[in-house]
């Protein structure tokens, strides 16, 4: 099964305050120093043991995909791919578009607005374990 996971606030110990705000991409460079959410990493490890495919769908800027890939490797986070859609308006709509395009069956996000929106659109969406 394909499982989508948000990054900041879900796989990380802290999240961005407001992803609707469009900032220069380099303002997010500090995110490389954030610690992972250990409980979520354990959950992803179990999902990978079941041979699920894990795709990060993040509102991080596209320019940070390689750095984010490095962060995941550094912290031994078992993922298959990363898709950064960028900050700004309509993050939930853009996440939904990727979820449908990639045929993701379940999505985990720490943003209640996004989880509610995805559920309204028929996606199995959940809050992360902390």
N, C-alpha and C. Protein backbone atom coordinates (compact mmCIF):
# COMPACT_ATOMS: atom_id res chain seq x y z
N UNK A 1 0.85 -1.18 0.00
CA UNK A 1 0.00 0.00 0.00
C UNK A 1 0.89 1.24 0.00
N UNK A 2 0.46 2.27 -0.70
CA UNK A 2 1.18 3.55 -0.70
C UNK A 2 0.66 4.41 0.45
N UNK A 3 1.60 4.89 1.25
CA UNK A 3 1.26 5.72 2.40
C UNK A 3 1.98 7.05 2.26
N UNK A 4 1.22 8.13 2.37
CA UNK A 4 1.78 9.47 2.32
C UNK A 4 1.96 10.02 3.72
N UNK A 5 3.04 10.76 3.90
CA UNK A 5 3.35 11.31 5.22
C UNK A 5 3.82 12.75 5.06
N UNK A 6 3.27 13.62 5.87
CA UNK A 6 3.75 14.99 5.96
C UNK A 6 5.11 14.96 6.66
N UNK A 7 5.87 16.00 6.54
CA UNK A 7 7.20 16.02 7.14
C UNK A 7 7.24 16.86 8.41
N UNK A 8 7.13 18.17 8.28
CA UNK A 8 7.32 19.06 9.43
C UNK A 8 6.13 19.01 10.38
N UNK A 9 6.43 18.63 11.62
CA UNK A 9 5.39 18.46 12.64
C UNK A 9 4.86 17.04 12.69
N UNK A 10 5.15 16.24 11.68
CA UNK A 10 4.72 14.85 11.63
C UNK A 10 5.93 13.95 11.80
N UNK A 11 6.88 14.04 10.88
CA UNK A 11 8.12 13.27 11.01
C UNK A 11 9.18 14.03 11.79
N UNK A 12 8.99 15.33 11.96
CA UNK A 12 9.92 16.12 12.75
C UNK A 12 9.31 16.43 14.11
N UNK A 13 10.16 16.83 15.03
CA UNK A 13 9.69 17.14 16.39
C UNK A 13 8.96 18.47 16.47
N UNK A 14 9.14 19.35 15.47
CA UNK A 14 8.44 20.63 15.42
C UNK A 14 7.93 20.85 14.01
N UNK A 15 6.93 21.71 13.89
CA UNK A 15 6.38 22.02 12.57
C UNK A 15 6.46 23.50 12.28
N UNK A 16 6.17 23.84 11.04
CA UNK A 16 6.10 25.24 10.66
C UNK A 16 4.83 25.84 11.22
N UNK A 17 4.88 27.10 11.56
CA UNK A 17 3.71 27.75 12.14
C UNK A 17 2.59 27.90 11.12
N UNK A 18 2.92 28.37 9.92
CA UNK A 18 1.88 28.61 8.93
C UNK A 18 2.43 28.35 7.53
N UNK A 19 2.07 27.22 6.95
CA UNK A 19 2.57 26.88 5.62
C UNK A 19 1.91 27.70 4.52
N UNK A 20 0.85 28.46 4.84
CA UNK A 20 0.21 29.31 3.85
C UNK A 20 1.06 30.54 3.52
N UNK A 21 2.04 30.83 4.37
CA UNK A 21 2.90 31.98 4.15
C UNK A 21 3.99 31.62 3.15
N UNK A 22 4.11 32.42 2.10
CA UNK A 22 5.12 32.20 1.07
C UNK A 22 6.36 33.00 1.46
N UNK A 23 7.45 32.27 1.76
CA UNK A 23 8.73 32.89 2.11
C UNK A 23 9.79 32.43 1.13
N UNK A 24 10.92 33.15 1.05
CA UNK A 24 12.01 32.65 0.21
C UNK A 24 12.45 31.27 0.68
N UNK A 25 12.79 30.37 -0.25
CA UNK A 25 13.10 28.99 0.08
C UNK A 25 14.21 28.86 1.10
N UNK A 26 15.19 29.74 1.08
CA UNK A 26 16.34 29.63 1.97
C UNK A 26 15.98 29.91 3.42
N UNK A 27 14.81 30.49 3.66
CA UNK A 27 14.36 30.73 5.05
C UNK A 27 14.09 29.40 5.77
N UNK A 28 13.91 28.32 5.02
CA UNK A 28 13.60 27.02 5.62
C UNK A 28 14.84 26.16 5.82
N UNK A 29 16.01 26.67 5.53
CA UNK A 29 17.24 25.88 5.68
C UNK A 29 17.46 25.39 7.11
N UNK A 30 16.96 26.12 8.09
CA UNK A 30 17.14 25.72 9.49
C UNK A 30 16.49 24.37 9.79
N UNK A 31 15.55 23.95 8.96
CA UNK A 31 14.84 22.69 9.20
C UNK A 31 15.75 21.46 9.17
N UNK A 32 16.92 21.58 8.58
CA UNK A 32 17.85 20.44 8.54
C UNK A 32 18.34 20.08 9.95
N UNK A 33 18.23 21.00 10.89
CA UNK A 33 18.72 20.78 12.24
C UNK A 33 17.64 20.26 13.20
N UNK A 34 16.43 20.05 12.72
CA UNK A 34 15.32 19.60 13.55
C UNK A 34 15.44 18.10 13.79
N UNK A 35 15.08 17.65 14.99
CA UNK A 35 15.12 16.23 15.34
C UNK A 35 13.87 15.52 14.86
N UNK A 36 14.00 14.24 14.53
CA UNK A 36 12.83 13.48 14.08
C UNK A 36 11.92 13.09 15.24
N UNK A 37 10.67 12.81 14.90
CA UNK A 37 9.68 12.29 15.84
C UNK A 37 9.92 10.78 15.91
N UNK A 38 10.53 10.32 16.97
CA UNK A 38 10.97 8.92 17.08
C UNK A 38 9.80 7.93 17.01
N UNK A 39 8.66 8.28 17.56
CA UNK A 39 7.50 7.39 17.51
C UNK A 39 7.06 7.19 16.05
N UNK A 40 7.01 8.27 15.28
CA UNK A 40 6.61 8.14 13.87
C UNK A 40 7.64 7.34 13.07
N UNK A 41 8.90 7.48 13.40
CA UNK A 41 9.94 6.73 12.68
C UNK A 41 9.74 5.23 12.93
N UNK A 42 9.42 4.87 14.17
CA UNK A 42 9.17 3.46 14.48
C UNK A 42 7.96 2.94 13.70
N UNK A 43 6.93 3.77 13.58
CA UNK A 43 5.74 3.37 12.82
C UNK A 43 6.11 3.16 11.36
N UNK A 44 6.90 4.07 10.80
CA UNK A 44 7.31 3.93 9.39
C UNK A 44 8.17 2.68 9.19
N UNK A 45 9.02 2.38 10.16
CA UNK A 45 9.84 1.16 10.05
C UNK A 45 8.95 -0.08 10.00
N UNK A 46 7.90 -0.12 10.81
CA UNK A 46 6.97 -1.26 10.77
C UNK A 46 6.22 -1.33 9.44
N UNK A 47 5.84 -0.17 8.92
CA UNK A 47 5.16 -0.15 7.63
C UNK A 47 6.08 -0.65 6.51
N UNK A 48 7.35 -0.28 6.57
CA UNK A 48 8.31 -0.75 5.56
C UNK A 48 8.52 -2.25 5.68
N UNK A 49 8.49 -2.78 6.89
CA UNK A 49 8.61 -4.24 7.08
C UNK A 49 7.44 -4.96 6.41
N UNK A 50 6.28 -4.30 6.34
CA UNK A 50 5.11 -4.86 5.65
C UNK A 50 5.22 -4.64 4.14
N UNK A 51 6.28 -3.97 3.73
CA UNK A 51 6.55 -3.64 2.33
C UNK A 51 5.63 -2.57 1.77
N UNK A 52 5.16 -1.69 2.64
CA UNK A 52 4.39 -0.53 2.18
C UNK A 52 5.36 0.47 1.55
N UNK A 53 4.85 1.25 0.61
CA UNK A 53 5.64 2.32 -0.01
C UNK A 53 5.33 3.61 0.73
N UNK A 54 6.38 4.34 1.14
CA UNK A 54 6.20 5.55 1.93
C UNK A 54 6.70 6.75 1.13
N UNK A 55 5.79 7.70 0.94
CA UNK A 55 6.10 8.90 0.17
C UNK A 55 5.86 10.12 1.06
N UNK A 56 6.90 10.92 1.25
CA UNK A 56 6.74 12.18 1.97
C UNK A 56 6.16 13.20 1.00
N UNK A 57 5.08 13.86 1.44
CA UNK A 57 4.50 14.96 0.68
C UNK A 57 4.54 16.16 1.61
N UNK A 58 5.46 17.08 1.31
CA UNK A 58 5.75 18.17 2.23
C UNK A 58 5.52 19.54 1.59
N UNK A 59 5.17 20.51 2.43
CA UNK A 59 5.04 21.88 1.97
C UNK A 59 6.39 22.61 2.01
N UNK A 60 7.46 21.85 2.16
CA UNK A 60 8.78 22.48 2.06
C UNK A 60 9.02 22.92 0.62
N UNK A 61 9.86 23.95 0.43
CA UNK A 61 10.19 24.38 -0.93
C UNK A 61 10.89 23.28 -1.72
N UNK A 62 10.62 23.24 -3.02
CA UNK A 62 11.21 22.25 -3.93
C UNK A 62 12.74 22.25 -3.83
N UNK A 63 13.34 23.41 -3.60
CA UNK A 63 14.80 23.52 -3.52
C UNK A 63 15.39 22.74 -2.35
N UNK A 64 14.55 22.33 -1.39
CA UNK A 64 15.05 21.61 -0.22
C UNK A 64 14.88 20.09 -0.33
N UNK A 65 14.45 19.59 -1.48
CA UNK A 65 14.26 18.13 -1.62
C UNK A 65 15.53 17.35 -1.35
N UNK A 66 16.65 17.75 -1.96
CA UNK A 66 17.91 17.01 -1.76
C UNK A 66 18.38 17.09 -0.31
N UNK A 67 18.27 18.25 0.29
CA UNK A 67 18.66 18.41 1.69
C UNK A 67 17.75 17.59 2.60
N UNK A 68 16.47 17.53 2.26
CA UNK A 68 15.52 16.73 3.03
C UNK A 68 15.83 15.24 2.88
N UNK A 69 16.21 14.83 1.68
CA UNK A 69 16.62 13.44 1.44
C UNK A 69 17.81 13.10 2.34
N UNK A 70 18.78 14.01 2.41
CA UNK A 70 19.95 13.82 3.27
C UNK A 70 19.52 13.69 4.74
N UNK A 71 18.61 14.56 5.18
CA UNK A 71 18.12 14.53 6.57
C UNK A 71 17.48 13.17 6.87
N UNK A 72 16.69 12.66 5.94
CA UNK A 72 16.04 11.35 6.14
C UNK A 72 17.07 10.23 6.24
N UNK A 73 18.08 10.26 5.39
CA UNK A 73 19.13 9.24 5.45
C UNK A 73 19.90 9.34 6.77
N UNK A 74 20.23 10.55 7.16
CA UNK A 74 20.98 10.78 8.40
C UNK A 74 20.25 10.20 9.61
N UNK A 75 18.93 10.32 9.63
CA UNK A 75 18.13 9.85 10.76
C UNK A 75 17.50 8.48 10.52
N UNK A 76 17.93 7.82 9.44
CA UNK A 76 17.47 6.45 9.12
C UNK A 76 15.94 6.35 9.03
N UNK A 77 15.37 7.32 8.33
CA UNK A 77 13.92 7.33 8.12
C UNK A 77 13.62 6.56 6.84
N UNK A 78 12.85 5.49 6.95
CA UNK A 78 12.61 4.61 5.79
C UNK A 78 11.54 5.17 4.84
N UNK A 79 11.99 5.86 3.82
CA UNK A 79 11.05 6.42 2.84
C UNK A 79 11.46 5.97 1.45
N UNK A 80 10.52 6.04 0.54
CA UNK A 80 10.80 5.71 -0.85
C UNK A 80 11.03 6.96 -1.70
N UNK A 81 10.25 8.00 -1.42
CA UNK A 81 10.39 9.24 -2.19
C UNK A 81 9.98 10.44 -1.37
N UNK A 82 10.41 11.61 -1.86
CA UNK A 82 10.02 12.89 -1.26
C UNK A 82 9.46 13.76 -2.38
N UNK A 83 8.31 14.37 -2.10
CA UNK A 83 7.73 15.34 -3.02
C UNK A 83 7.50 16.62 -2.24
N UNK A 84 8.23 17.68 -2.58
CA UNK A 84 8.07 18.98 -1.93
C UNK A 84 7.20 19.86 -2.83
N UNK A 85 6.08 20.33 -2.29
CA UNK A 85 5.14 21.13 -3.08
C UNK A 85 5.28 22.62 -2.82
N UNK A 86 6.09 23.02 -1.84
CA UNK A 86 6.29 24.43 -1.54
C UNK A 86 5.22 25.00 -0.63
N UNK A 87 5.57 26.10 0.01
CA UNK A 87 4.63 26.80 0.89
C UNK A 87 3.75 27.72 0.05
N UNK A 88 2.87 28.42 0.69
CA UNK A 88 2.00 29.36 -0.01
C UNK A 88 0.54 28.95 0.09
N UNK A 89 -0.26 29.51 -0.76
CA UNK A 89 -1.70 29.27 -0.72
C UNK A 89 -2.06 27.87 -1.22
N UNK A 90 -3.18 27.38 -0.74
CA UNK A 90 -3.79 26.13 -1.20
C UNK A 90 -2.91 24.90 -1.02
N UNK A 91 -2.20 24.83 0.10
CA UNK A 91 -1.36 23.67 0.38
C UNK A 91 -2.20 22.40 0.41
N UNK A 92 -3.38 22.45 1.04
CA UNK A 92 -4.20 21.24 1.12
C UNK A 92 -4.65 20.75 -0.25
N UNK A 93 -4.99 21.68 -1.15
CA UNK A 93 -5.38 21.29 -2.51
C UNK A 93 -4.21 20.67 -3.26
N UNK A 94 -3.03 21.24 -3.10
CA UNK A 94 -1.85 20.71 -3.79
C UNK A 94 -1.45 19.35 -3.22
N UNK A 95 -1.60 19.15 -1.91
CA UNK A 95 -1.33 17.83 -1.33
C UNK A 95 -2.33 16.80 -1.87
N UNK A 96 -3.61 17.18 -1.94
CA UNK A 96 -4.63 16.28 -2.48
C UNK A 96 -4.30 15.89 -3.92
N UNK A 97 -3.86 16.84 -4.71
CA UNK A 97 -3.51 16.55 -6.10
C UNK A 97 -2.40 15.49 -6.18
N UNK A 98 -1.38 15.62 -5.35
CA UNK A 98 -0.28 14.64 -5.33
C UNK A 98 -0.79 13.29 -4.82
N UNK A 99 -1.60 13.30 -3.77
CA UNK A 99 -2.14 12.06 -3.20
C UNK A 99 -2.91 11.28 -4.27
N UNK A 100 -3.72 11.99 -5.02
CA UNK A 100 -4.50 11.32 -6.08
C UNK A 100 -3.60 10.86 -7.23
N UNK A 101 -2.68 11.73 -7.64
CA UNK A 101 -1.78 11.40 -8.75
C UNK A 101 -0.93 10.17 -8.42
N UNK A 102 -0.45 10.09 -7.19
CA UNK A 102 0.43 8.99 -6.77
C UNK A 102 -0.35 7.77 -6.27
N UNK A 103 -1.68 7.88 -6.23
CA UNK A 103 -2.53 6.79 -5.76
C UNK A 103 -2.20 6.38 -4.32
N UNK A 104 -2.00 7.39 -3.47
CA UNK A 104 -1.71 7.18 -2.05
C UNK A 104 -3.02 6.81 -1.35
N UNK A 105 -2.99 5.74 -0.58
CA UNK A 105 -4.21 5.22 0.06
C UNK A 105 -4.46 5.78 1.46
N UNK A 106 -3.40 6.21 2.13
CA UNK A 106 -3.53 6.74 3.49
C UNK A 106 -2.54 7.88 3.65
N UNK A 107 -2.93 8.94 4.38
CA UNK A 107 -2.05 10.09 4.57
C UNK A 107 -2.03 10.48 6.04
N UNK A 108 -0.84 10.81 6.53
CA UNK A 108 -0.65 11.21 7.93
C UNK A 108 -0.13 12.65 7.94
N UNK A 109 -0.81 13.54 8.67
CA UNK A 109 -0.43 14.96 8.71
C UNK A 109 -0.78 15.52 10.08
N UNK A 110 0.04 16.44 10.56
CA UNK A 110 -0.21 17.05 11.87
C UNK A 110 -1.13 18.26 11.80
N UNK A 111 -1.46 18.71 10.60
CA UNK A 111 -2.30 19.90 10.43
C UNK A 111 -3.77 19.48 10.37
N UNK A 112 -4.54 19.88 11.39
CA UNK A 112 -5.95 19.47 11.46
C UNK A 112 -6.75 19.98 10.27
N UNK A 113 -6.39 21.13 9.74
CA UNK A 113 -7.08 21.68 8.58
C UNK A 113 -6.88 20.78 7.36
N UNK A 114 -5.67 20.29 7.18
CA UNK A 114 -5.36 19.41 6.05
C UNK A 114 -6.02 18.04 6.25
N UNK A 115 -5.95 17.49 7.46
CA UNK A 115 -6.57 16.18 7.72
C UNK A 115 -8.08 16.27 7.46
N UNK A 116 -8.74 17.30 7.96
CA UNK A 116 -10.18 17.46 7.74
C UNK A 116 -10.50 17.61 6.25
N UNK A 117 -9.72 18.41 5.55
CA UNK A 117 -9.93 18.62 4.12
C UNK A 117 -9.80 17.31 3.36
N UNK A 118 -8.74 16.54 3.64
CA UNK A 118 -8.52 15.27 2.95
C UNK A 118 -9.64 14.28 3.24
N UNK A 119 -10.10 14.24 4.49
CA UNK A 119 -11.22 13.35 4.84
C UNK A 119 -12.48 13.73 4.07
N UNK A 120 -12.74 15.03 3.95
CA UNK A 120 -13.89 15.50 3.18
C UNK A 120 -13.81 15.05 1.72
N UNK A 121 -12.60 14.89 1.22
CA UNK A 121 -12.38 14.48 -0.18
C UNK A 121 -12.25 12.97 -0.33
N UNK A 122 -12.53 12.23 0.75
CA UNK A 122 -12.54 10.78 0.67
C UNK A 122 -11.21 10.09 0.88
N UNK A 123 -10.23 10.81 1.42
CA UNK A 123 -8.91 10.23 1.68
C UNK A 123 -8.84 9.78 3.14
N UNK A 124 -8.28 8.60 3.39
CA UNK A 124 -8.03 8.16 4.76
C UNK A 124 -6.87 8.99 5.29
N UNK A 125 -7.17 9.95 6.15
CA UNK A 125 -6.16 10.86 6.70
C UNK A 125 -6.17 10.78 8.22
N UNK A 126 -4.98 10.87 8.80
CA UNK A 126 -4.82 10.67 10.24
C UNK A 126 -3.82 11.65 10.81
N UNK A 127 -3.93 11.87 12.12
CA UNK A 127 -2.93 12.62 12.87
C UNK A 127 -1.80 11.70 13.27
N UNK A 128 -0.58 12.23 13.42
CA UNK A 128 0.56 11.38 13.79
C UNK A 128 0.56 11.00 15.26
N UNK A 129 1.32 9.96 15.57
CA UNK A 129 1.56 9.59 16.97
C UNK A 129 2.70 10.46 17.48
N UNK A 130 2.57 10.90 18.71
CA UNK A 130 3.62 11.74 19.31
C UNK A 130 4.32 10.99 20.41
